[in-house]
């Protein structure tokens, strides 16, 4: 199962990464969008269509699970499989950063 999921999700889109990263704690789509905007200084915004399409796909693939509904908003949280995928992606990003460290000059 993990190999199929890895083929689909690794490397992750920036949107997918932020959604999964935010769901380390229970959140609903609107809250995720607010959190991502705050984390990125407004550089990344997730449209409702992208948000709910990604949440639906991640739930279907078992990376997140529905927890409960609160004021007509569905709350989700990351699953064990989601954690595995997130950790793989975090290691990939860290490797990219380490390999480029000291060689990148901002603005060039």
PDB file of N, CA and C in Angstrom:
ATOM      1  N   UNK A   1       0.825  -1.205   0.000  1.00  0.00           N
ATOM      2  CA  UNK A   1       0.000   0.000   0.000  1.00  0.00           C
ATOM      3  C   UNK A   1       0.861   1.256   0.000  1.00  0.00           C
ATOM      4  N   UNK A   2       1.872   1.310   0.878  1.00  0.00           N
ATOM      5  CA  UNK A   2       2.701   2.505   0.973  1.00  0.00           C
ATOM      6  C   UNK A   2       3.404   2.802  -0.351  1.00  0.00           C
ATOM      7  N   UNK A   3       3.858   1.777  -1.066  1.00  0.00           N
ATOM      8  CA  UNK A   3       4.550   2.004  -2.345  1.00  0.00           C
ATOM      9  C   UNK A   3       3.629   2.694  -3.352  1.00  0.00           C
ATOM     10  N   UNK A   4       2.376   2.265  -3.442  1.00  0.00           N
ATOM     11  CA  UNK A   4       1.419   2.911  -4.355  1.00  0.00           C
ATOM     12  C   UNK A   4       1.189   4.350  -3.933  1.00  0.00           C
ATOM     13  N   UNK A   5       1.019   4.569  -2.653  1.00  0.00           N
ATOM     14  CA  UNK A   5       0.783   5.919  -2.130  1.00  0.00           C
ATOM     15  C   UNK A   5       2.002   6.795  -2.381  1.00  0.00           C
ATOM     16  N   UNK A   6       3.205   6.252  -2.179  1.00  0.00           N
ATOM     17  CA  UNK A   6       4.425   7.020  -2.435  1.00  0.00           C
ATOM     18  C   UNK A   6       4.500   7.451  -3.898  1.00  0.00           C
ATOM     19  N   UNK A   7       4.118   6.569  -4.805  1.00  0.00           N
ATOM     20  CA  UNK A   7       4.146   6.923  -6.234  1.00  0.00           C
ATOM     21  C   UNK A   7       3.204   8.084  -6.529  1.00  0.00           C
ATOM     22  N   UNK A   8       2.084   8.132  -5.822  1.00  0.00           N
ATOM     23  CA  UNK A   8       1.092   9.183  -6.048  1.00  0.00           C
ATOM     24  C   UNK A   8       1.477  10.489  -5.357  1.00  0.00           C
ATOM     25  N   UNK A   9       2.018  10.405  -4.142  1.00  0.00           N
ATOM     26  CA  UNK A   9       2.196  11.600  -3.318  1.00  0.00           C
ATOM     27  C   UNK A   9       3.627  12.122  -3.178  1.00  0.00           C
ATOM     28  N   UNK A  10       4.634  11.354  -3.570  1.00  0.00           N
ATOM     29  CA  UNK A  10       6.011  11.809  -3.388  1.00  0.00           C
ATOM     30  C   UNK A  10       6.659  11.957  -4.746  1.00  0.00           C
ATOM     31  N   UNK A  11       7.160  13.140  -5.100  1.00  0.00           N
ATOM     32  CA  UNK A  11       7.169  14.358  -4.298  1.00  0.00           C
ATOM     33  C   UNK A  11       5.771  14.971  -4.226  1.00  0.00           C
ATOM     34  N   UNK A  12       5.512  15.649  -3.128  1.00  0.00           N
ATOM     35  CA  UNK A  12       4.200  16.255  -2.904  1.00  0.00           C
ATOM     36  C   UNK A  12       4.127  17.628  -3.564  1.00  0.00           C
ATOM     37  N   UNK A  13       2.921  18.008  -3.923  1.00  0.00           N
ATOM     38  CA  UNK A  13       2.711  19.387  -4.328  1.00  0.00           C
ATOM     39  C   UNK A  13       2.833  20.246  -3.078  1.00  0.00           C
ATOM     40  N   UNK A  14       3.108  21.513  -3.261  1.00  0.00           N
ATOM     41  CA  UNK A  14       3.208  22.407  -2.111  1.00  0.00           C
ATOM     42  C   UNK A  14       1.885  22.456  -1.359  1.00  0.00           C
ATOM     43  N   UNK A  15       0.793  22.491  -2.092  1.00  0.00           N
ATOM     44  CA  UNK A  15      -0.529  22.498  -1.476  1.00  0.00           C
ATOM     45  C   UNK A  15      -0.759  21.234  -0.659  1.00  0.00           C
ATOM     46  N   UNK A  16      -0.490  20.089  -1.254  1.00  0.00           N
ATOM     47  CA  UNK A  16      -0.667  18.822  -0.552  1.00  0.00           C
ATOM     48  C   UNK A  16       0.188  18.748   0.700  1.00  0.00           C
ATOM     49  N   UNK A  17       1.422  19.222   0.591  1.00  0.00           N
ATOM     50  CA  UNK A  17       2.318  19.219   1.744  1.00  0.00           C
ATOM     51  C   UNK A  17       1.733  20.051   2.883  1.00  0.00           C
ATOM     52  N   UNK A  18       1.329  21.270   2.583  1.00  0.00           N
ATOM     53  CA  UNK A  18       0.820  22.142   3.643  1.00  0.00           C
ATOM     54  C   UNK A  18      -0.460  21.596   4.270  1.00  0.00           C
ATOM     55  N   UNK A  19      -1.327  21.018   3.466  1.00  0.00           N
ATOM     56  CA  UNK A  19      -2.561  20.450   4.018  1.00  0.00           C
ATOM     57  C   UNK A  19      -2.218  19.313   4.979  1.00  0.00           C
ATOM     58  N   UNK A  20      -1.377  18.389   4.542  1.00  0.00           N
ATOM     59  CA  UNK A  20      -1.016  17.257   5.391  1.00  0.00           C
ATOM     60  C   UNK A  20      -0.259  17.734   6.631  1.00  0.00           C
ATOM     61  N   UNK A  21       0.625  18.696   6.463  1.00  0.00           N
ATOM     62  CA  UNK A  21       1.397  19.229   7.583  1.00  0.00           C
ATOM     63  C   UNK A  21       0.479  19.864   8.628  1.00  0.00           C
ATOM     64  N   UNK A  22      -0.506  20.611   8.181  1.00  0.00           N
ATOM     65  CA  UNK A  22      -1.445  21.253   9.109  1.00  0.00           C
ATOM     66  C   UNK A  22      -2.283  20.227   9.868  1.00  0.00           C
ATOM     67  N   UNK A  23      -2.560  19.106   9.242  1.00  0.00           N
ATOM     68  CA  UNK A  23      -3.437  18.119   9.868  1.00  0.00           C
ATOM     69  C   UNK A  23      -2.736  17.253  10.908  1.00  0.00           C
ATOM     70  N   UNK A  24      -1.582  17.693  11.369  1.00  0.00           N
ATOM     71  CA  UNK A  24      -0.952  17.043  12.519  1.00  0.00           C
ATOM     72  C   UNK A  24      -1.831  17.271  13.739  1.00  0.00           C
ATOM     73  N   UNK A  25      -2.715  18.268  13.640  1.00  0.00           N
ATOM     74  CA  UNK A  25      -3.758  18.471  14.647  1.00  0.00           C
ATOM     75  C   UNK A  25      -5.086  18.616  13.912  1.00  0.00           C
ATOM     76  N   UNK A  26      -6.169  18.351  14.605  1.00  0.00           N
ATOM     77  CA  UNK A  26      -7.496  18.408  13.978  1.00  0.00           C
ATOM     78  C   UNK A  26      -7.760  19.798  13.413  1.00  0.00           C
ATOM     79  N   UNK A  27      -8.215  19.836  12.166  1.00  0.00           N
ATOM     80  CA  UNK A  27      -8.557  21.109  11.530  1.00  0.00           C
ATOM     81  C   UNK A  27      -9.605  20.871  10.461  1.00  0.00           C
ATOM     82  N   UNK A  28     -10.275  21.948  10.106  1.00  0.00           N
ATOM     83  CA  UNK A  28     -11.190  21.923   8.962  1.00  0.00           C
ATOM     84  C   UNK A  28     -10.555  22.732   7.839  1.00  0.00           C
ATOM     85  N   UNK A  29     -11.113  22.619   6.664  1.00  0.00           N
ATOM     86  CA  UNK A  29     -10.536  23.228   5.474  1.00  0.00           C
ATOM     87  C   UNK A  29     -10.273  24.719   5.594  1.00  0.00           C
ATOM     88  N   UNK A  30     -11.231  25.471   6.093  1.00  0.00           N
ATOM     89  CA  UNK A  30     -11.053  26.922   6.215  1.00  0.00           C
ATOM     90  C   UNK A  30      -9.883  27.235   7.132  1.00  0.00           C
ATOM     91  N   UNK A  31      -9.797  26.521   8.249  1.00  0.00           N
ATOM     92  CA  UNK A  31      -8.706  26.731   9.206  1.00  0.00           C
ATOM     93  C   UNK A  31      -7.352  26.399   8.589  1.00  0.00           C
ATOM     94  N   UNK A  32      -7.301  25.343   7.798  1.00  0.00           N
ATOM     95  CA  UNK A  32      -6.055  24.973   7.108  1.00  0.00           C
ATOM     96  C   UNK A  32      -5.621  26.125   6.204  1.00  0.00           C
ATOM     97  N   UNK A  33      -6.571  26.658   5.439  1.00  0.00           N
ATOM     98  CA  UNK A  33      -6.266  27.772   4.543  1.00  0.00           C
ATOM     99  C   UNK A  33      -5.697  28.967   5.288  1.00  0.00           C
ATOM    100  N   UNK A  34      -6.287  29.290   6.425  1.00  0.00           N
ATOM    101  CA  UNK A  34      -5.806  30.404   7.250  1.00  0.00           C
ATOM    102  C   UNK A  34      -4.394  30.113   7.765  1.00  0.00           C
ATOM    103  N   UNK A  35      -4.184  28.895   8.241  1.00  0.00           N
ATOM    104  CA  UNK A  35      -2.885  28.492   8.778  1.00  0.00           C
ATOM    105  C   UNK A  35      -1.798  28.575   7.703  1.00  0.00           C
ATOM    106  N   UNK A  36      -2.105  28.096   6.508  1.00  0.00           N
ATOM    107  CA  UNK A  36      -1.132  28.117   5.410  1.00  0.00           C
ATOM    108  C   UNK A  36      -0.791  29.550   5.037  1.00  0.00           C
ATOM    109  N   UNK A  37      -1.786  30.397   4.942  1.00  0.00           N
ATOM    110  CA  UNK A  37      -1.545  31.810   4.637  1.00  0.00           C
ATOM    111  C   UNK A  37      -0.613  32.431   5.678  1.00  0.00           C
ATOM    112  N   UNK A  38      -0.870  32.126   6.940  1.00  0.00           N
ATOM    113  CA  UNK A  38      -0.044  32.657   8.027  1.00  0.00           C
ATOM    114  C   UNK A  38       1.382  32.098   7.968  1.00  0.00           C
ATOM    115  N   UNK A  39       1.505  30.787   7.780  1.00  0.00           N
ATOM    116  CA  UNK A  39       2.823  30.139   7.741  1.00  0.00           C
ATOM    117  C   UNK A  39       3.688  30.659   6.596  1.00  0.00           C
ATOM    118  N   UNK A  40       3.071  31.010   5.482  1.00  0.00           N
ATOM    119  CA  UNK A  40       3.820  31.407   4.286  1.00  0.00           C
ATOM    120  C   UNK A  40       3.836  32.914   4.072  1.00  0.00           C
ATOM    121  N   UNK A  41       3.352  33.658   5.032  1.00  0.00           N
ATOM    122  CA  UNK A  41       3.330  35.113   4.886  1.00  0.00           C
ATOM    123  C   UNK A  41       2.468  35.556   3.719  1.00  0.00           C
ATOM    124  N   UNK A  42       1.429  34.785   3.431  1.00  0.00           N
ATOM    125  CA  UNK A  42       0.507  35.115   2.354  1.00  0.00           C
ATOM    126  C   UNK A  42       0.972  34.695   0.967  1.00  0.00           C
ATOM    127  N   UNK A  43       2.127  34.044   0.873  1.00  0.00           N
ATOM    128  CA  UNK A  43       2.645  33.631  -0.430  1.00  0.00           C
ATOM    129  C   UNK A  43       1.916  32.427  -1.008  1.00  0.00           C
ATOM    130  N   UNK A  44       1.336  31.613  -0.143  1.00  0.00           N
ATOM    131  CA  UNK A  44       0.596  30.435  -0.615  1.00  0.00           C
ATOM    132  C   UNK A  44      -0.839  30.543  -0.130  1.00  0.00           C
ATOM    133  N   UNK A  45      -1.758  30.486  -1.070  1.00  0.00           N
ATOM    134  CA  UNK A  45      -3.179  30.429  -0.732  1.00  0.00           C
ATOM    135  C   UNK A  45      -3.761  29.210  -1.431  1.00  0.00           C
ATOM    136  N   UNK A  46      -4.696  28.579  -0.770  1.00  0.00           N
ATOM    137  CA  UNK A  46      -5.308  27.372  -1.323  1.00  0.00           C
ATOM    138  C   UNK A  46      -6.773  27.683  -1.605  1.00  0.00           C
ATOM    139  N   UNK A  47      -7.153  27.560  -2.851  1.00  0.00           N
ATOM    140  CA  UNK A  47      -8.541  27.835  -3.223  1.00  0.00           C
ATOM    141  C   UNK A  47      -9.448  26.761  -2.626  1.00  0.00           C
ATOM    142  N   UNK A  48     -10.719  27.096  -2.409  1.00  0.00           N
ATOM    143  CA  UNK A  48     -11.649  26.097  -1.853  1.00  0.00           C
ATOM    144  C   UNK A  48     -11.722  24.823  -2.701  1.00  0.00           C
ATOM    145  N   UNK A  49     -11.728  24.963  -4.006  1.00  0.00           N
ATOM    146  CA  UNK A  49     -11.804  23.783  -4.867  1.00  0.00           C
ATOM    147  C   UNK A  49     -10.613  22.863  -4.685  1.00  0.00           C
ATOM    148  N   UNK A  50      -9.439  23.455  -4.635  1.00  0.00           N
ATOM    149  CA  UNK A  50      -8.223  22.673  -4.412  1.00  0.00           C
ATOM    150  C   UNK A  50      -8.226  22.058  -3.021  1.00  0.00           C
ATOM    151  N   UNK A  51      -8.618  22.850  -2.033  1.00  0.00           N
ATOM    152  CA  UNK A  51      -8.635  22.381  -0.643  1.00  0.00           C
ATOM    153  C   UNK A  51      -9.521  21.151  -0.496  1.00  0.00           C
ATOM    154  N   UNK A  52     -10.771  21.277  -0.925  1.00  0.00           N
ATOM    155  CA  UNK A  52     -11.718  20.191  -0.671  1.00  0.00           C
ATOM    156  C   UNK A  52     -11.484  19.002  -1.588  1.00  0.00           C
ATOM    157  N   UNK A  53     -10.961  19.246  -2.788  1.00  0.00           N
ATOM    158  CA  UNK A  53     -10.580  18.139  -3.656  1.00  0.00           C
ATOM    159  C   UNK A  53      -9.426  17.341  -3.072  1.00  0.00           C
ATOM    160  N   UNK A  54      -8.432  18.057  -2.527  1.00  0.00           N
ATOM    161  CA  UNK A  54      -7.273  17.403  -1.921  1.00  0.00           C
ATOM    162  C   UNK A  54      -7.663  16.668  -0.645  1.00  0.00           C
ATOM    163  N   UNK A  55      -8.489  17.292   0.193  1.00  0.00           N
ATOM    164  CA  UNK A  55      -8.949  16.622   1.412  1.00  0.00           C
ATOM    165  C   UNK A  55      -9.684  15.330   1.072  1.00  0.00           C
ATOM    166  N   UNK A  56     -10.547  15.391   0.078  1.00  0.00           N
ATOM    167  CA  UNK A  56     -11.318  14.221  -0.327  1.00  0.00           C
ATOM    168  C   UNK A  56     -10.396  13.105  -0.818  1.00  0.00           C
ATOM    169  N   UNK A  57      -9.425  13.454  -1.658  1.00  0.00           N
ATOM    170  CA  UNK A  57      -8.498  12.452  -2.188  1.00  0.00           C
ATOM    171  C   UNK A  57      -7.641  11.865  -1.069  1.00  0.00           C
ATOM    172  N   UNK A  58      -7.135  12.722  -0.185  1.00  0.00           N
ATOM    173  CA  UNK A  58      -6.306  12.226   0.920  1.00  0.00           C
ATOM    174  C   UNK A  58      -7.097  11.325   1.859  1.00  0.00           C
ATOM    175  N   UNK A  59      -8.352  11.661   2.073  1.00  0.00           N
ATOM    176  CA  UNK A  59      -9.192  10.808   2.924  1.00  0.00           C
ATOM    177  C   UNK A  59      -9.416   9.455   2.245  1.00  0.00           C
ATOM    178  N   UNK A  60      -9.732   9.489   0.965  1.00  0.00           N
ATOM    179  CA  UNK A  60      -9.966   8.248   0.213  1.00  0.00           C
ATOM    180  C   UNK A  60      -8.719   7.365   0.208  1.00  0.00           C
ATOM    181  N   UNK A  61      -7.538   7.985   0.128  1.00  0.00           N
ATOM    182  CA  UNK A  61      -6.282   7.238   0.090  1.00  0.00           C
ATOM    183  C   UNK A  61      -5.762   6.865   1.477  1.00  0.00           C
ATOM    184  N   UNK A  62      -6.459   7.307   2.527  1.00  0.00           N
ATOM    185  CA  UNK A  62      -6.101   6.903   3.879  1.00  0.00           C
ATOM    186  C   UNK A  62      -5.018   7.737   4.555  1.00  0.00           C
ATOM    187  N   UNK A  63      -4.671   8.901   3.990  1.00  0.00           N
ATOM    188  CA  UNK A  63      -3.650   9.750   4.599  1.00  0.00           C
ATOM    189  C   UNK A  63      -4.222  10.591   5.734  1.00  0.00           C
ATOM    190  N   UNK A  64      -5.504  10.876   5.651  1.00  0.00           N
ATOM    191  CA  UNK A  64      -6.187  11.627   6.695  1.00  0.00           C
ATOM    192  C   UNK A  64      -7.492  10.914   6.991  1.00  0.00           C
ATOM    193  N   UNK A  65      -8.089  11.266   8.129  1.00  0.00           N
ATOM    194  CA  UNK A  65      -9.399  10.695   8.429  1.00  0.00           C
ATOM    195  C   UNK A  65     -10.305  11.788   8.980  1.00  0.00           C
ATOM    196  N   UNK A  66     -11.580  11.631   8.686  1.00  0.00           N
ATOM    197  CA  UNK A  66     -12.610  12.507   9.218  1.00  0.00           C
ATOM    198  C   UNK A  66     -12.728  12.237  10.713  1.00  0.00           C
ATOM    199  N   UNK A  67     -12.778  13.303  11.519  1.00  0.00           N
ATOM    200  CA  UNK A  67     -12.873  13.154  12.966  1.00  0.00           C
ATOM    201  C   UNK A  67     -14.294  13.437  13.433  1.00  0.00           C
ATOM    202  N   UNK A  68     -14.800  14.597  13.061  1.00  0.00           N
ATOM    203  CA  UNK A  68     -16.156  14.978  13.453  1.00  0.00           C
ATOM    204  C   UNK A  68     -16.564  16.227  12.697  1.00  0.00           C
ATOM    205  N   UNK A  69     -17.832  16.554  12.804  1.00  0.00           N
ATOM    206  CA  UNK A  69     -18.345  17.779  12.204  1.00  0.00           C
ATOM    207  C   UNK A  69     -18.600  18.780  13.318  1.00  0.00           C
ATOM    208  N   UNK A  70     -18.197  20.012  13.067  1.00  0.00           N
ATOM    209  CA  UNK A  70     -18.346  21.075  14.052  1.00  0.00           C
ATOM    210  C   UNK A  70     -18.868  22.314  13.321  1.00  0.00           C
ATOM    211  N   UNK A  71     -20.065  22.732  13.651  1.00  0.00           N
ATOM    212  CA  UNK A  71     -20.700  23.884  12.995  1.00  0.00           C
ATOM    213  C   UNK A  71     -20.661  23.753  11.469  1.00  0.00           C
ATOM    214  N   UNK A  72     -21.065  22.611  10.971  1.00  0.00           N
ATOM    215  CA  UNK A  72     -21.136  22.286   9.546  1.00  0.00           C
ATOM    216  C   UNK A  72     -19.776  22.235   8.862  1.00  0.00           C
ATOM    217  N   UNK A  73     -18.701  22.163   9.634  1.00  0.00           N
ATOM    218  CA  UNK A  73     -17.357  22.039   9.081  1.00  0.00           C
ATOM    219  C   UNK A  73     -16.781  20.697   9.500  1.00  0.00           C
ATOM    220  N   UNK A  74     -16.231  19.988   8.520  1.00  0.00           N
ATOM    221  CA  UNK A  74     -15.639  18.675   8.798  1.00  0.00           C
ATOM    222  C   UNK A  74     -14.216  18.843   9.281  1.00  0.00           C
ATOM    223  N   UNK A  75     -13.908  18.210  10.399  1.00  0.00           N
ATOM    224  CA  UNK A  75     -12.556  18.232  10.940  1.00  0.00           C
ATOM    225  C   UNK A  75     -11.850  16.938  10.565  1.00  0.00           C
ATOM    226  N   UNK A  76     -10.587  17.083  10.158  1.00  0.00           N
ATOM    227  CA  UNK A  76      -9.770  15.954   9.742  1.00  0.00           C
ATOM    228  C   UNK A  76      -8.491  15.937  10.565  1.00  0.00           C
ATOM    229  N   UNK A  77      -7.820  14.783  10.561  1.00  0.00           N
ATOM    230  CA  UNK A  77      -6.517  14.637  11.215  1.00  0.00           C
ATOM    231  C   UNK A  77      -5.701  13.629  10.405  1.00  0.00           C
ATOM    232  N   UNK A  78      -4.396  13.755  10.487  1.00  0.00           N
ATOM    233  CA  UNK A  78      -3.494  12.861   9.766  1.00  0.00           C
ATOM    234  C   UNK A  78      -3.566  11.443  10.360  1.00  0.00           C
ATOM    235  N   UNK A  79      -3.391  10.440   9.511  1.00  0.00           N
ATOM    236  CA  UNK A  79      -3.371   9.041   9.950  1.00  0.00           C
ATOM    237  C   UNK A  79      -1.916   8.566  10.031  1.00  0.00           C
ATOM    238  N   UNK A  80      -1.730   7.341  10.464  1.00  0.00           N
ATOM    239  CA  UNK A  80      -0.392   6.756  10.519  1.00  0.00           C
ATOM    240  C   UNK A  80       0.242   6.736   9.126  1.00  0.00           C
ATOM    241  N   UNK A  81      -0.541   6.355   8.115  1.00  0.00           N
ATOM    242  CA  UNK A  81      -0.039   6.358   6.740  1.00  0.00           C
ATOM    243  C   UNK A  81       0.329   7.774   6.310  1.00  0.00           C
ATOM    244  N   UNK A  82      -0.494   8.730   6.680  1.00  0.00           N
ATOM    245  CA  UNK A  82      -0.203  10.129   6.372  1.00  0.00           C
ATOM    246  C   UNK A  82       1.098  10.588   7.000  1.00  0.00           C
ATOM    247  N   UNK A  83       1.333  10.177   8.256  1.00  0.00           N
ATOM    248  CA  UNK A  83       2.587  10.504   8.938  1.00  0.00           C
ATOM    249  C   UNK A  83       3.774   9.928   8.160  1.00  0.00           C
ATOM    250  N   UNK A  84       3.654   8.680   7.698  1.00  0.00           N
ATOM    251  CA  UNK A  84       4.745   8.058   6.940  1.00  0.00           C
ATOM    252  C   UNK A  84       5.067   8.867   5.692  1.00  0.00           C
ATOM    253  N   UNK A  85       4.037   9.251   4.960  1.00  0.00           N
ATOM    254  CA  UNK A  85       4.227  10.034   3.735  1.00  0.00           C
ATOM    255  C   UNK A  85       4.814  11.400   4.070  1.00  0.00           C
ATOM    256  N   UNK A  86       4.315  12.045   5.107  1.00  0.00           N
ATOM    257  CA  UNK A  86       4.823  13.359   5.506  1.00  0.00           C
ATOM    258  C   UNK A  86       6.298  13.269   5.907  1.00  0.00           C
ATOM    259  N   UNK A  87       6.673  12.237   6.630  1.00  0.00           N
ATOM    260  CA  UNK A  87       8.067  12.082   7.038  1.00  0.00           C
ATOM    261  C   UNK A  87       8.982  11.844   5.832  1.00  0.00           C
ATOM    262  N   UNK A  88       8.520  11.073   4.863  1.00  0.00           N
ATOM    263  CA  UNK A  88       9.293  10.859   3.634  1.00  0.00           C
ATOM    264  C   UNK A  88       9.494  12.190   2.923  1.00  0.00           C
ATOM    265  N   UNK A  89       8.452  12.963   2.834  1.00  0.00           N
ATOM    266  CA  UNK A  89       8.532  14.256   2.149  1.00  0.00           C
ATOM    267  C   UNK A  89       9.413  15.239   2.922  1.00  0.00           C
ATOM    268  N   UNK A  90       9.315  15.253   4.235  1.00  0.00           N
ATOM    269  CA  UNK A  90      10.174  16.148   5.031  1.00  0.00           C
ATOM    270  C   UNK A  90      11.653  15.778   4.859  1.00  0.00           C
ATOM    271  N   UNK A  91      11.964  14.485   4.806  1.00  0.00           N
ATOM    272  CA  UNK A  91      13.353  14.062   4.569  1.00  0.00           C
ATOM    273  C   UNK A  91      13.817  14.486   3.173  1.00  0.00           C
ATOM    274  N   UNK A  92      12.917  14.390   2.192  1.00  0.00           N
ATOM    275  CA  UNK A  92      13.257  14.796   0.823  1.00  0.00           C
ATOM    276  C   UNK A  92      13.549  16.287   0.775  1.00  0.00           C
ATOM    277  N   UNK A  93      12.708  17.083   1.421  1.00  0.00           N
ATOM    278  CA  UNK A  93      12.906  18.540   1.441  1.00  0.00           C
ATOM    279  C   UNK A  93      14.202  18.887   2.176  1.00  0.00           C
ATOM    280  N   UNK A  94      14.454  18.223   3.285  1.00  0.00           N
ATOM    281  CA  UNK A  94      15.677  18.456   4.044  1.00  0.00           C
ATOM    282  C   UNK A  94      16.912  18.129   3.200  1.00  0.00           C
ATOM    283  N   UNK A  95      16.850  17.023   2.472  1.00  0.00           N
ATOM    284  CA  UNK A  95      17.962  16.640   1.599  1.00  0.00           C
ATOM    285  C   UNK A  95      18.193  17.697   0.530  1.00  0.00           C
ATOM    286  N   UNK A  96      17.109  18.189  -0.079  1.00  0.00           N
ATOM    287  CA  UNK A  96      17.237  19.251  -1.084  1.00  0.00           C
ATOM    288  C   UNK A  96      17.904  20.488  -0.491  1.00  0.00           C
ATOM    289  N   UNK A  97      17.463  20.852   0.700  1.00  0.00           N
ATOM    290  CA  UNK A  97      18.023  22.018   1.366  1.00  0.00           C
ATOM    291  C   UNK A  97      19.507  21.819   1.678  1.00  0.00           C
ATOM    292  N   UNK A  98      19.857  20.676   2.248  1.00  0.00           N
ATOM    293  CA  UNK A  98      21.253  20.410   2.597  1.00  0.00           C
ATOM    294  C   UNK A  98      22.141  20.407   1.357  1.00  0.00           C
ATOM    295  N   UNK A  99      21.647  19.826   0.271  1.00  0.00           N
ATOM    296  CA  UNK A  99      22.447  19.753  -0.951  1.00  0.00           C
ATOM    297  C   UNK A  99      22.633  21.105  -1.620  1.00  0.00           C
ATOM    298  N   UNK A 100      21.745  22.025  -1.349  1.00  0.00           N
ATOM    299  CA  UNK A 100      21.857  23.343  -1.979  1.00  0.00           C
ATOM    300  C   UNK A 100      22.443  24.390  -1.038  1.00  0.00           C
ATOM    301  N   UNK A 101      22.596  24.068   0.208  1.00  0.00           N
ATOM    302  CA  UNK A 101      23.075  25.008   1.228  1.00  0.00           C
ATOM    303  C   UNK A 101      24.439  25.574   0.829  1.00  0.00           C
ATOM    304  N   UNK A 102      24.511  26.891   0.892  1.00  0.00           N
ATOM    305  CA  UNK A 102      25.780  27.552   0.589  1.00  0.00           C
ATOM    306  C   UNK A 102      26.029  27.778  -0.887  1.00  0.00           C
ATOM    307  N   UNK A 103      25.221  27.197  -1.737  1.00  0.00           N
ATOM    308  CA  UNK A 103      25.438  27.350  -3.175  1.00  0.00           C
ATOM    309  C   UNK A 103      24.428  28.287  -3.817  1.00  0.00           C
ATOM    310  N   UNK A 104      23.385  28.589  -3.128  1.00  0.00           N
ATOM    311  CA  UNK A 104      22.327  29.411  -3.691  1.00  0.00           C
ATOM    312  C   UNK A 104      22.522  30.859  -3.249  1.00  0.00           C
ATOM    313  N   UNK A 105      22.542  31.744  -4.192  1.00  0.00           N
ATOM    314  CA  UNK A 105      22.631  33.172  -3.893  1.00  0.00           C
ATOM    315  C   UNK A 105      21.292  33.792  -4.247  1.00  0.00           C
ATOM    316  N   UNK A 106      20.617  34.328  -3.230  1.00  0.00           N
ATOM    317  CA  UNK A 106      19.277  34.889  -3.410  1.00  0.00           C
ATOM    318  C   UNK A 106      19.296  35.956  -4.499  1.00  0.00           C
ATOM    319  N   UNK A 107      18.360  35.834  -5.415  1.00  0.00           N
ATOM    320  CA  UNK A 107      18.196  36.832  -6.457  1.00  0.00           C
ATOM    321  C   UNK A 107      18.987  36.559  -7.723  1.00  0.00           C
ATOM    322  N   UNK A 108      19.751  35.496  -7.751  1.00  0.00           N
ATOM    323  CA  UNK A 108      20.526  35.174  -8.964  1.00  0.00           C
ATOM    324  C   UNK A 108      19.854  34.142  -9.798  1.00  0.00           C
TER     325      UNK A 108
END
